[in-house]
Amino acid sequence: MSEHVPTVDRAHCAYHFRLYLADGAPNSVRALANLYPICRQHFPECHRIEVIDVLKEPLRAMAEAIFVTPTVVRVSPQPELQIIGNLSEEEEVLRALGLPQKETV
């Protein structure tokens, strides 16, 4: 079953992420823990994170071509894109999402 993480009115938010994870697997737990602060910092008022456990919804994961966990899908804004891994490299995550990275001196 999917879990919707509540924050403001998520139905009409600009940024919608879908995180596919495998129950309590260490990298899945890290990905979820890393995605929250990224969203809070970069989309503080308008983001939605949908969590899908592939062990509980394997057919959905297969239908959406998710074969590796953890996988984050940016559903909106378009184009849809995927990031695979625990999201521990924030600069890489920001680059993959097309967001500005921190300035390097």
PDB file of N, CA and C in Angstrom:
ATOM      1  N   MET A   1       0.832  -1.176   0.000  1.00  0.00           N
ATOM      2  CA  MET A   1       0.000   0.000   0.000  1.00  0.00           C
ATOM      3  C   MET A   1       0.875   1.235   0.000  1.00  0.00           C
ATOM      4  N   SER A   2       0.510   2.253  -0.709  1.00  0.00           N
ATOM      5  CA  SER A   2       1.274   3.485  -0.792  1.00  0.00           C
ATOM      6  C   SER A   2       1.054   4.330   0.438  1.00  0.00           C
ATOM      7  N   GLU A   3       2.087   5.049   0.803  1.00  0.00           N
ATOM      8  CA  GLU A   3       1.986   5.989   1.918  1.00  0.00           C
ATOM      9  C   GLU A   3       2.189   7.383   1.359  1.00  0.00           C
ATOM     10  N   HIS A   4       1.270   8.277   1.653  1.00  0.00           N
ATOM     11  CA  HIS A   4       1.410   9.660   1.226  1.00  0.00           C
ATOM     12  C   HIS A   4       1.902  10.449   2.414  1.00  0.00           C
ATOM     13  N   VAL A   5       3.004  11.162   2.230  1.00  0.00           N
ATOM     14  CA  VAL A   5       3.561  11.962   3.306  1.00  0.00           C
ATOM     15  C   VAL A   5       2.878  13.319   3.292  1.00  0.00           C
ATOM     16  N   PRO A   6       2.143  13.669   4.366  1.00  0.00           N
ATOM     17  CA  PRO A   6       1.388  14.914   4.366  1.00  0.00           C
ATOM     18  C   PRO A   6       2.270  16.145   4.515  1.00  0.00           C
ATOM     19  N   THR A   7       1.974  17.136   3.712  1.00  0.00           N
ATOM     20  CA  THR A   7       2.579  18.464   3.800  1.00  0.00           C
ATOM     21  C   THR A   7       1.742  19.382   2.927  1.00  0.00           C
ATOM     22  N   VAL A   8       1.109  20.371   3.508  1.00  0.00           N
ATOM     23  CA  VAL A   8       0.246  21.335   2.827  1.00  0.00           C
ATOM     24  C   VAL A   8      -0.763  20.604   1.936  1.00  0.00           C
ATOM     25  N   ASP A   9      -1.260  21.227   0.860  1.00  0.00           N
ATOM     26  CA  ASP A   9      -2.182  20.588  -0.078  1.00  0.00           C
ATOM     27  C   ASP A   9      -1.361  19.939  -1.169  1.00  0.00           C
ATOM     28  N   ARG A  10      -1.078  18.663  -1.029  1.00  0.00           N
ATOM     29  CA  ARG A  10      -0.164  17.971  -1.937  1.00  0.00           C
ATOM     30  C   ARG A  10      -0.780  17.641  -3.287  1.00  0.00           C
ATOM     31  N   ALA A  11      -2.072  17.698  -3.409  1.00  0.00           N
ATOM     32  CA  ALA A  11      -2.711  17.325  -4.667  1.00  0.00           C
ATOM     33  C   ALA A  11      -2.306  18.250  -5.809  1.00  0.00           C
ATOM     34  N   HIS A  12      -1.997  19.503  -5.505  1.00  0.00           N
ATOM     35  CA  HIS A  12      -1.687  20.468  -6.556  1.00  0.00           C
ATOM     36  C   HIS A  12      -0.279  21.027  -6.438  1.00  0.00           C
ATOM     37  N   CYS A  13       0.629  20.252  -5.875  1.00  0.00           N
ATOM     38  CA  CYS A  13       1.994  20.737  -5.676  1.00  0.00           C
ATOM     39  C   CYS A  13       2.807  20.636  -6.949  1.00  0.00           C
ATOM     40  N   ALA A  14       3.766  21.527  -7.038  1.00  0.00           N
ATOM     41  CA  ALA A  14       4.609  21.577  -8.221  1.00  0.00           C
ATOM     42  C   ALA A  14       5.558  20.388  -8.295  1.00  0.00           C
ATOM     43  N   TYR A  15       6.053  19.920  -7.146  1.00  0.00           N
ATOM     44  CA  TYR A  15       7.011  18.815  -7.144  1.00  0.00           C
ATOM     45  C   TYR A  15       6.390  17.586  -6.503  1.00  0.00           C
ATOM     46  N   HIS A  16       6.320  16.525  -7.286  1.00  0.00           N
ATOM     47  CA  HIS A  16       5.768  15.258  -6.820  1.00  0.00           C
ATOM     48  C   HIS A  16       6.831  14.192  -7.054  1.00  0.00           C
ATOM     49  N   PHE A  17       7.222  13.534  -5.974  1.00  0.00           N
ATOM     50  CA  PHE A  17       8.216  12.467  -6.038  1.00  0.00           C
ATOM     51  C   PHE A  17       7.582  11.162  -5.611  1.00  0.00           C
ATOM     52  N   ARG A  18       8.014  10.086  -6.252  1.00  0.00           N
ATOM     53  CA  ARG A  18       7.572   8.748  -5.883  1.00  0.00           C
ATOM     54  C   ARG A  18       8.834   7.962  -5.517  1.00  0.00           C
ATOM     55  N   LEU A  19       8.902   7.502  -4.281  1.00  0.00           N
ATOM     56  CA  LEU A  19      10.062   6.750  -3.804  1.00  0.00           C
ATOM     57  C   LEU A  19       9.686   5.281  -3.693  1.00  0.00           C
ATOM     58  N   TYR A  20      10.366   4.464  -4.477  1.00  0.00           N
ATOM     59  CA  TYR A  20      10.182   3.017  -4.422  1.00  0.00           C
ATOM     60  C   TYR A  20      11.272   2.469  -3.521  1.00  0.00           C
ATOM     61  N   LEU A  21      10.854   1.747  -2.485  1.00  0.00           N
ATOM     62  CA  LEU A  21      11.834   1.188  -1.569  1.00  0.00           C
ATOM     63  C   LEU A  21      11.473  -0.239  -1.217  1.00  0.00           C
ATOM     64  N   ALA A  22      12.415  -0.901  -0.562  1.00  0.00           N
ATOM     65  CA  ALA A  22      12.214  -2.294  -0.149  1.00  0.00           C
ATOM     66  C   ALA A  22      12.150  -2.343   1.366  1.00  0.00           C
ATOM     67  N   ASP A  23      10.948  -2.192   1.902  1.00  0.00           N
ATOM     68  CA  ASP A  23      10.671  -2.268   3.328  1.00  0.00           C
ATOM     69  C   ASP A  23      11.730  -1.529   4.138  1.00  0.00           C
ATOM     70  N   GLY A  24      12.428  -2.199   5.025  1.00  0.00           N
ATOM     71  CA  GLY A  24      13.395  -1.538   5.901  1.00  0.00           C
ATOM     72  C   GLY A  24      14.831  -1.720   5.462  1.00  0.00           C
ATOM     73  N   ALA A  25      15.062  -2.013   4.188  1.00  0.00           N
ATOM     74  CA  ALA A  25      16.431  -2.193   3.704  1.00  0.00           C
ATOM     75  C   ALA A  25      17.239  -0.922   3.969  1.00  0.00           C
ATOM     76  N   PRO A  26      18.502  -1.062   4.394  1.00  0.00           N
ATOM     77  CA  PRO A  26      19.302   0.103   4.780  1.00  0.00           C
ATOM     78  C   PRO A  26      19.349   1.227   3.741  1.00  0.00           C
ATOM     79  N   ASN A  27      19.571   0.902   2.483  1.00  0.00           N
ATOM     80  CA  ASN A  27      19.627   1.964   1.460  1.00  0.00           C
ATOM     81  C   ASN A  27      18.264   2.615   1.241  1.00  0.00           C
ATOM     82  N   SER A  28      17.199   1.855   1.406  1.00  0.00           N
ATOM     83  CA  SER A  28      15.861   2.427   1.283  1.00  0.00           C
ATOM     84  C   SER A  28      15.585   3.405   2.416  1.00  0.00           C
ATOM     85  N   VAL A  29      15.963   3.025   3.623  1.00  0.00           N
ATOM     86  CA  VAL A  29      15.780   3.904   4.780  1.00  0.00           C
ATOM     87  C   VAL A  29      16.589   5.182   4.597  1.00  0.00           C
ATOM     88  N   ARG A  30      17.839   5.046   4.104  1.00  0.00           N
ATOM     89  CA  ARG A  30      18.679   6.225   3.861  1.00  0.00           C
ATOM     90  C   ARG A  30      18.086   7.132   2.789  1.00  0.00           C
ATOM     91  N   ALA A  31      17.567   6.525   1.734  1.00  0.00           N
ATOM     92  CA  ALA A  31      16.984   7.332   0.651  1.00  0.00           C
ATOM     93  C   ALA A  31      15.823   8.173   1.172  1.00  0.00           C
ATOM     94  N   LEU A  32      14.967   7.573   1.959  1.00  0.00           N
ATOM     95  CA  LEU A  32      13.838   8.306   2.517  1.00  0.00           C
ATOM     96  C   LEU A  32      14.326   9.410   3.455  1.00  0.00           C
ATOM     97  N   ALA A  33      15.287   9.083   4.303  1.00  0.00           N
ATOM     98  CA  ALA A  33      15.840  10.070   5.232  1.00  0.00           C
ATOM     99  C   ALA A  33      16.549  11.201   4.493  1.00  0.00           C
ATOM    100  N   ASN A  34      17.137  10.930   3.352  1.00  0.00           N
ATOM    101  CA  ASN A  34      17.834  11.963   2.575  1.00  0.00           C
ATOM    102  C   ASN A  34      16.877  12.789   1.722  1.00  0.00           C
ATOM    103  N   LEU A  35      15.806  12.173   1.250  1.00  0.00           N
ATOM    104  CA  LEU A  35      14.870  12.899   0.387  1.00  0.00           C
ATOM    105  C   LEU A  35      14.093  13.964   1.158  1.00  0.00           C
ATOM    106  N   TYR A  36      13.709  13.674   2.387  1.00  0.00           N
ATOM    107  CA  TYR A  36      12.950  14.651   3.181  1.00  0.00           C
ATOM    108  C   TYR A  36      13.646  15.999   3.288  1.00  0.00           C
ATOM    109  N   PRO A  37      14.896  16.062   3.764  1.00  0.00           N
ATOM    110  CA  PRO A  37      15.525  17.388   3.907  1.00  0.00           C
ATOM    111  C   PRO A  37      15.770  18.091   2.575  1.00  0.00           C
ATOM    112  N   ILE A  38      16.027  17.336   1.519  1.00  0.00           N
ATOM    113  CA  ILE A  38      16.203  17.952   0.201  1.00  0.00           C
ATOM    114  C   ILE A  38      14.909  18.648  -0.205  1.00  0.00           C
ATOM    115  N   CYS A  39      13.794  17.962  -0.029  1.00  0.00           N
ATOM    116  CA  CYS A  39      12.495  18.556  -0.383  1.00  0.00           C
ATOM    117  C   CYS A  39      12.159  19.736   0.517  1.00  0.00           C
ATOM    118  N   ARG A  40      12.412  19.589   1.815  1.00  0.00           N
ATOM    119  CA  ARG A  40      12.116  20.694   2.737  1.00  0.00           C
ATOM    120  C   ARG A  40      12.936  21.931   2.417  1.00  0.00           C
ATOM    121  N   GLN A  41      14.177  21.732   2.014  1.00  0.00           N
ATOM    122  CA  GLN A  41      15.041  22.873   1.724  1.00  0.00           C
ATOM    123  C   GLN A  41      14.707  23.518   0.384  1.00  0.00           C
ATOM    124  N   HIS A  42      14.487  22.723  -0.639  1.00  0.00           N
ATOM    125  CA  HIS A  42      14.335  23.257  -1.996  1.00  0.00           C
ATOM    126  C   HIS A  42      12.884  23.478  -2.418  1.00  0.00           C
ATOM    127  N   PHE A  43      11.946  22.779  -1.798  1.00  0.00           N
ATOM    128  CA  PHE A  43      10.521  22.930  -2.124  1.00  0.00           C
ATOM    129  C   PHE A  43       9.728  23.022  -0.826  1.00  0.00           C
ATOM    130  N   PRO A  44      10.022  23.977   0.035  1.00  0.00           N
ATOM    131  CA  PRO A  44       9.450  23.976   1.390  1.00  0.00           C
ATOM    132  C   PRO A  44       7.931  24.051   1.441  1.00  0.00           C
ATOM    133  N   GLU A  45       7.304  24.680   0.487  1.00  0.00           N
ATOM    134  CA  GLU A  45       5.857  24.858   0.551  1.00  0.00           C
ATOM    135  C   GLU A  45       5.072  23.947  -0.371  1.00  0.00           C
ATOM    136  N   CYS A  46       5.756  23.305  -1.295  1.00  0.00           N
ATOM    137  CA  CYS A  46       4.973  22.584  -2.285  1.00  0.00           C
ATOM    138  C   CYS A  46       5.692  21.350  -2.821  1.00  0.00           C
ATOM    139  N   HIS A  47       5.691  20.299  -2.026  1.00  0.00           N
ATOM    140  CA  HIS A  47       6.211  19.025  -2.498  1.00  0.00           C
ATOM    141  C   HIS A  47       5.360  17.898  -1.939  1.00  0.00           C
ATOM    142  N   ARG A  48       5.409  16.805  -2.644  1.00  0.00           N
ATOM    143  CA  ARG A  48       4.672  15.606  -2.236  1.00  0.00           C
ATOM    144  C   ARG A  48       5.596  14.421  -2.444  1.00  0.00           C
ATOM    145  N   ILE A  49       5.711  13.595  -1.423  1.00  0.00           N
ATOM    146  CA  ILE A  49       6.516  12.378  -1.524  1.00  0.00           C
ATOM    147  C   ILE A  49       5.574  11.192  -1.336  1.00  0.00           C
ATOM    148  N   GLU A  50       5.517  10.360  -2.341  1.00  0.00           N
ATOM    149  CA  GLU A  50       4.704   9.144  -2.296  1.00  0.00           C
ATOM    150  C   GLU A  50       5.662   7.971  -2.098  1.00  0.00           C
ATOM    151  N   VAL A  51       5.453   7.192  -1.063  1.00  0.00           N
ATOM    152  CA  VAL A  51       6.338   6.075  -0.743  1.00  0.00           C
ATOM    153  C   VAL A  51       5.658   4.771  -1.130  1.00  0.00           C
ATOM    154  N   ILE A  52       6.370   3.977  -1.937  1.00  0.00           N
ATOM    155  CA  ILE A  52       5.823   2.697  -2.389  1.00  0.00           C
ATOM    156  C   ILE A  52       6.799   1.589  -2.013  1.00  0.00           C
ATOM    157  N   ASP A  53       6.331   0.668  -1.221  1.00  0.00           N
ATOM    158  CA  ASP A  53       7.137  -0.481  -0.818  1.00  0.00           C
ATOM    159  C   ASP A  53       6.949  -1.568  -1.886  1.00  0.00           C
ATOM    160  N   VAL A  54       8.016  -1.864  -2.606  1.00  0.00           N
ATOM    161  CA  VAL A  54       7.908  -2.837  -3.709  1.00  0.00           C
ATOM    162  C   VAL A  54       7.655  -4.254  -3.209  1.00  0.00           C
ATOM    163  N   LEU A  55       7.940  -4.519  -1.942  1.00  0.00           N
ATOM    164  CA  LEU A  55       7.652  -5.840  -1.401  1.00  0.00           C
ATOM    165  C   LEU A  55       6.153  -6.018  -1.153  1.00  0.00           C
ATOM    166  N   LYS A  56       5.459  -4.901  -0.923  1.00  0.00           N
ATOM    167  CA  LYS A  56       4.010  -4.954  -0.717  1.00  0.00           C
ATOM    168  C   LYS A  56       3.237  -4.724  -2.008  1.00  0.00           C
ATOM    169  N   GLU A  57       3.859  -4.033  -2.968  1.00  0.00           N
ATOM    170  CA  GLU A  57       3.207  -3.739  -4.251  1.00  0.00           C
ATOM    171  C   GLU A  57       4.122  -4.102  -5.418  1.00  0.00           C
ATOM    172  N   PRO A  58       4.497  -5.378  -5.536  1.00  0.00           N
ATOM    173  CA  PRO A  58       5.440  -5.765  -6.593  1.00  0.00           C
ATOM    174  C   PRO A  58       4.892  -5.577  -8.004  1.00  0.00           C
ATOM    175  N   LEU A  59       3.603  -5.780  -8.195  1.00  0.00           N
ATOM    176  CA  LEU A  59       3.034  -5.628  -9.536  1.00  0.00           C
ATOM    177  C   LEU A  59       3.073  -4.176  -9.990  1.00  0.00           C
ATOM    178  N   ARG A  60       2.843  -3.253  -9.065  1.00  0.00           N
ATOM    179  CA  ARG A  60       2.927  -1.831  -9.414  1.00  0.00           C
ATOM    180  C   ARG A  60       4.353  -1.474  -9.811  1.00  0.00           C
ATOM    181  N   ALA A  61       5.315  -1.941  -9.041  1.00  0.00           N
ATOM    182  CA  ALA A  61       6.714  -1.658  -9.362  1.00  0.00           C
ATOM    183  C   ALA A  61       7.070  -2.222 -10.741  1.00  0.00           C
ATOM    184  N   MET A  62       6.645  -3.431 -11.018  1.00  0.00           N
ATOM    185  CA  MET A  62       6.930  -4.028 -12.325  1.00  0.00           C
ATOM    186  C   MET A  62       6.240  -3.256 -13.435  1.00  0.00           C
ATOM    187  N   ALA A  63       4.995  -2.864 -13.227  1.00  0.00           N
ATOM    188  CA  ALA A  63       4.243  -2.127 -14.245  1.00  0.00           C
ATOM    189  C   ALA A  63       4.900  -0.779 -14.548  1.00  0.00           C
ATOM    190  N   GLU A  64       5.572  -0.218 -13.552  1.00  0.00           N
ATOM    191  CA  GLU A  64       6.215   1.080 -13.728  1.00  0.00           C
ATOM    192  C   GLU A  64       7.713   0.939 -14.007  1.00  0.00           C
ATOM    193  N   ALA A  65       8.134  -0.298 -14.344  1.00  0.00           N
ATOM    194  CA  ALA A  65       9.514  -0.603 -14.733  1.00  0.00           C
ATOM    195  C   ALA A  65      10.528  -0.227 -13.658  1.00  0.00           C
ATOM    196  N   ILE A  66      10.200  -0.507 -12.408  1.00  0.00           N
ATOM    197  CA  ILE A  66      11.119  -0.282 -11.296  1.00  0.00           C
ATOM    198  C   ILE A  66      11.705  -1.638 -10.928  1.00  0.00           C
ATOM    199  N   PHE A  67      13.001  -1.793 -11.165  1.00  0.00           N
ATOM    200  CA  PHE A  67      13.659  -3.069 -10.918  1.00  0.00           C
ATOM    201  C   PHE A  67      14.743  -2.977  -9.863  1.00  0.00           C
ATOM    202  N   VAL A  68      15.053  -1.760  -9.412  1.00  0.00           N
ATOM    203  CA  VAL A  68      16.094  -1.533  -8.425  1.00  0.00           C
ATOM    204  C   VAL A  68      15.537  -0.615  -7.350  1.00  0.00           C
ATOM    205  N   THR A  69      15.882  -0.909  -6.099  1.00  0.00           N
ATOM    206  CA  THR A  69      15.491  -0.003  -5.015  1.00  0.00           C
ATOM    207  C   THR A  69      16.743   0.426  -4.263  1.00  0.00           C
ATOM    208  N   PRO A  70      16.727   1.600  -3.716  1.00  0.00           N
ATOM    209  CA  PRO A  70      15.686   2.602  -3.816  1.00  0.00           C
ATOM    210  C   PRO A  70      15.755   3.352  -5.142  1.00  0.00           C
ATOM    211  N   THR A  71      14.596   3.717  -5.665  1.00  0.00           N
ATOM    212  CA  THR A  71      14.481   4.534  -6.870  1.00  0.00           C
ATOM    213  C   THR A  71      13.518   5.673  -6.579  1.00  0.00           C
ATOM    214  N   VAL A  72      13.952   6.894  -6.901  1.00  0.00           N
ATOM    215  CA  VAL A  72      13.081   8.061  -6.767  1.00  0.00           C
ATOM    216  C   VAL A  72      12.680   8.477  -8.169  1.00  0.00           C
ATOM    217  N   VAL A  73      11.393   8.674  -8.366  1.00  0.00           N
ATOM    218  CA  VAL A  73      10.882   9.170  -9.644  1.00  0.00           C
ATOM    219  C   VAL A  73      10.332  10.568  -9.400  1.00  0.00           C
ATOM    220  N   ARG A  74      10.846  11.527 -10.152  1.00  0.00           N
ATOM    221  CA  ARG A  74      10.230  12.857 -10.113  1.00  0.00           C
ATOM    222  C   ARG A  74       9.089  12.802 -11.104  1.00  0.00           C
ATOM    223  N   VAL A  75       7.873  12.763 -10.579  1.00  0.00           N
ATOM    224  CA  VAL A  75       6.673  12.644 -11.401  1.00  0.00           C
ATOM    225  C   VAL A  75       6.349  13.991 -12.042  1.00  0.00           C
ATOM    226  N   SER A  76       6.461  15.045 -11.255  1.00  0.00           N
ATOM    227  CA  SER A  76       6.255  16.386 -11.790  1.00  0.00           C
ATOM    228  C   SER A  76       7.190  17.336 -11.060  1.00  0.00           C
ATOM    229  N   PRO A  77       7.642  18.362 -11.738  1.00  0.00           N
ATOM    230  CA  PRO A  77       7.257  18.758 -13.087  1.00  0.00           C
ATOM    231  C   PRO A  77       7.862  17.817 -14.131  1.00  0.00           C
ATOM    232  N   GLN A  78       7.257  17.808 -15.277  1.00  0.00           N
ATOM    233  CA  GLN A  78       7.733  16.999 -16.397  1.00  0.00           C
ATOM    234  C   GLN A  78       9.040  17.576 -16.918  1.00  0.00           C
ATOM    235  N   PRO A  79       9.910  16.823 -17.514  1.00  0.00           N
ATOM    236  CA  PRO A  79       9.758  15.402 -17.817  1.00  0.00           C
ATOM    237  C   PRO A  79      10.003  14.555 -16.571  1.00  0.00           C
ATOM    238  N   GLU A  80       9.370  13.392 -16.543  1.00  0.00           N
ATOM    239  CA  GLU A  80       9.570  12.445 -15.459  1.00  0.00           C
ATOM    240  C   GLU A  80      10.994  11.917 -15.555  1.00  0.00           C
ATOM    241  N   LEU A  81      11.638  11.776 -14.385  1.00  0.00           N
ATOM    242  CA  LEU A  81      12.974  11.192 -14.385  1.00  0.00           C
ATOM    243  C   LEU A  81      13.192  10.370 -13.137  1.00  0.00           C
ATOM    244  N   GLN A  82      14.213   9.486 -13.211  1.00  0.00           N
ATOM    245  CA  GLN A  82      14.499   8.570 -12.117  1.00  0.00           C
ATOM    246  C   GLN A  82      15.896   8.793 -11.567  1.00  0.00           C
ATOM    247  N   ILE A  83      16.016   8.602 -10.273  1.00  0.00           N
ATOM    248  CA  ILE A  83      17.308   8.607  -9.600  1.00  0.00           C
ATOM    249  C   ILE A  83      17.364   7.316  -8.793  1.00  0.00           C
ATOM    250  N   ILE A  84      18.430   6.557  -8.988  1.00  0.00           N
ATOM    251  CA  ILE A  84      18.586   5.290  -8.275  1.00  0.00           C
ATOM    252  C   ILE A  84      19.681   5.458  -7.229  1.00  0.00           C
ATOM    253  N   GLY A  85      19.407   4.995  -6.023  1.00  0.00           N
ATOM    254  CA  GLY A  85      20.408   5.039  -4.962  1.00  0.00           C
ATOM    255  C   GLY A  85      19.846   5.645  -3.693  1.00  0.00           C
ATOM    256  N   ASN A  86      20.711   5.791  -2.691  1.00  0.00           N
ATOM    257  CA  ASN A  86      20.246   6.244  -1.380  1.00  0.00           C
ATOM    258  C   ASN A  86      20.229   7.760  -1.221  1.00  0.00           C
ATOM    259  N   LEU A  87      20.559   8.502  -2.278  1.00  0.00           N
ATOM    260  CA  LEU A  87      20.475   9.961  -2.316  1.00  0.00           C
ATOM    261  C   LEU A  87      21.440  10.636  -1.342  1.00  0.00           C
ATOM    262  N   SER A  88      22.503   9.946  -0.969  1.00  0.00           N
ATOM    263  CA  SER A  88      23.438  10.506   0.001  1.00  0.00           C
ATOM    264  C   SER A  88      24.332  11.587  -0.599  1.00  0.00           C
ATOM    265  N   GLU A  89      24.494  11.606  -1.906  1.00  0.00           N
ATOM    266  CA  GLU A  89      25.295  12.629  -2.575  1.00  0.00           C
ATOM    267  C   GLU A  89      24.367  13.752  -3.010  1.00  0.00           C
ATOM    268  N   GLU A  90      24.136  14.705  -2.111  1.00  0.00           N
ATOM    269  CA  GLU A  90      23.145  15.751  -2.365  1.00  0.00           C
ATOM    270  C   GLU A  90      23.417  16.520  -3.650  1.00  0.00           C
ATOM    271  N   GLU A  91      24.671  16.824  -3.926  1.00  0.00           N
ATOM    272  CA  GLU A  91      24.996  17.564  -5.153  1.00  0.00           C
ATOM    273  C   GLU A  91      24.570  16.793  -6.393  1.00  0.00           C
ATOM    274  N   GLU A  92      24.774  15.500  -6.387  1.00  0.00           N
ATOM    275  CA  GLU A  92      24.371  14.668  -7.529  1.00  0.00           C
ATOM    276  C   GLU A  92      22.846  14.622  -7.656  1.00  0.00           C
ATOM    277  N   VAL A  93      22.168  14.545  -6.534  1.00  0.00           N
ATOM    278  CA  VAL A  93      20.700  14.536  -6.553  1.00  0.00           C
ATOM    279  C   VAL A  93      20.188  15.859  -7.112  1.00  0.00           C
ATOM    280  N   LEU A  94      20.749  16.971  -6.639  1.00  0.00           N
ATOM    281  CA  LEU A  94      20.334  18.286  -7.131  1.00  0.00           C
ATOM    282  C   LEU A  94      20.589  18.415  -8.623  1.00  0.00           C
ATOM    283  N   ARG A  95      21.736  17.942  -9.075  1.00  0.00           N
ATOM    284  CA  ARG A  95      22.055  17.998 -10.508  1.00  0.00           C
ATOM    285  C   ARG A  95      21.062  17.156 -11.310  1.00  0.00           C
ATOM    286  N   ALA A  96      20.760  15.962 -10.819  1.00  0.00           N
ATOM    287  CA  ALA A  96      19.821  15.080 -11.523  1.00  0.00           C
ATOM    288  C   ALA A  96      18.422  15.684 -11.579  1.00  0.00           C
ATOM    289  N   LEU A  97      18.065  16.463 -10.549  1.00  0.00           N
ATOM    290  CA  LEU A  97      16.750  17.107 -10.525  1.00  0.00           C
ATOM    291  C   LEU A  97      16.736  18.439 -11.260  1.00  0.00           C
ATOM    292  N   GLY A  98      17.909  18.851 -11.740  1.00  0.00           N
ATOM    293  CA  GLY A  98      17.981  20.119 -12.458  1.00  0.00           C
ATOM    294  C   GLY A  98      17.911  21.329 -11.535  1.00  0.00           C
ATOM    295  N   LEU A  99      18.331  21.154 -10.284  1.00  0.00           N
ATOM    296  CA  LEU A  99      18.317  22.246  -9.304  1.00  0.00           C
ATOM    297  C   LEU A  99      19.703  22.844  -9.157  1.00  0.00           C
ATOM    298  N   PRO A 100      19.777  24.099  -8.708  1.00  0.00           N
ATOM    299  CA  PRO A 100      21.080  24.719  -8.507  1.00  0.00           C
ATOM    300  C   PRO A 100      21.860  23.997  -7.408  1.00  0.00           C
ATOM    301  N   GLN A 101      23.139  23.794  -7.662  1.00  0.00           N
ATOM    302  CA  GLN A 101      24.000  23.178  -6.669  1.00  0.00           C
ATOM    303  C   GLN A 101      24.659  24.272  -5.819  1.00  0.00           C
ATOM    304  N   LYS A 102      25.236  23.819  -4.705  1.00  0.00           N
ATOM    305  CA  LYS A 102      25.932  24.739  -3.828  1.00  0.00           C
ATOM    306  C   LYS A 102      27.138  25.308  -4.557  1.00  0.00           C
ATOM    307  N   GLU A 103      27.454  26.562  -4.243  1.00  0.00           N
ATOM    308  CA  GLU A 103      28.629  27.216  -4.828  1.00  0.00           C
ATOM    309  C   GLU A 103      29.892  26.587  -4.240  1.00  0.00           C
ATOM    310  N   THR A 104      30.862  26.314  -5.085  1.00  0.00           N
ATOM    311  CA  THR A 104      32.146  25.814  -4.594  1.00  0.00           C
ATOM    312  C   THR A 104      33.154  26.947  -4.673  1.00  0.00           C
ATOM    313  N   VAL A 105      33.974  27.061  -3.648  1.00  0.00           N
ATOM    314  CA  VAL A 105      34.951  28.144  -3.582  1.00  0.00           C
ATOM    315  C   VAL A 105      36.281  27.689  -4.063  1.00  0.00           C
TER     316      VAL A 105
END
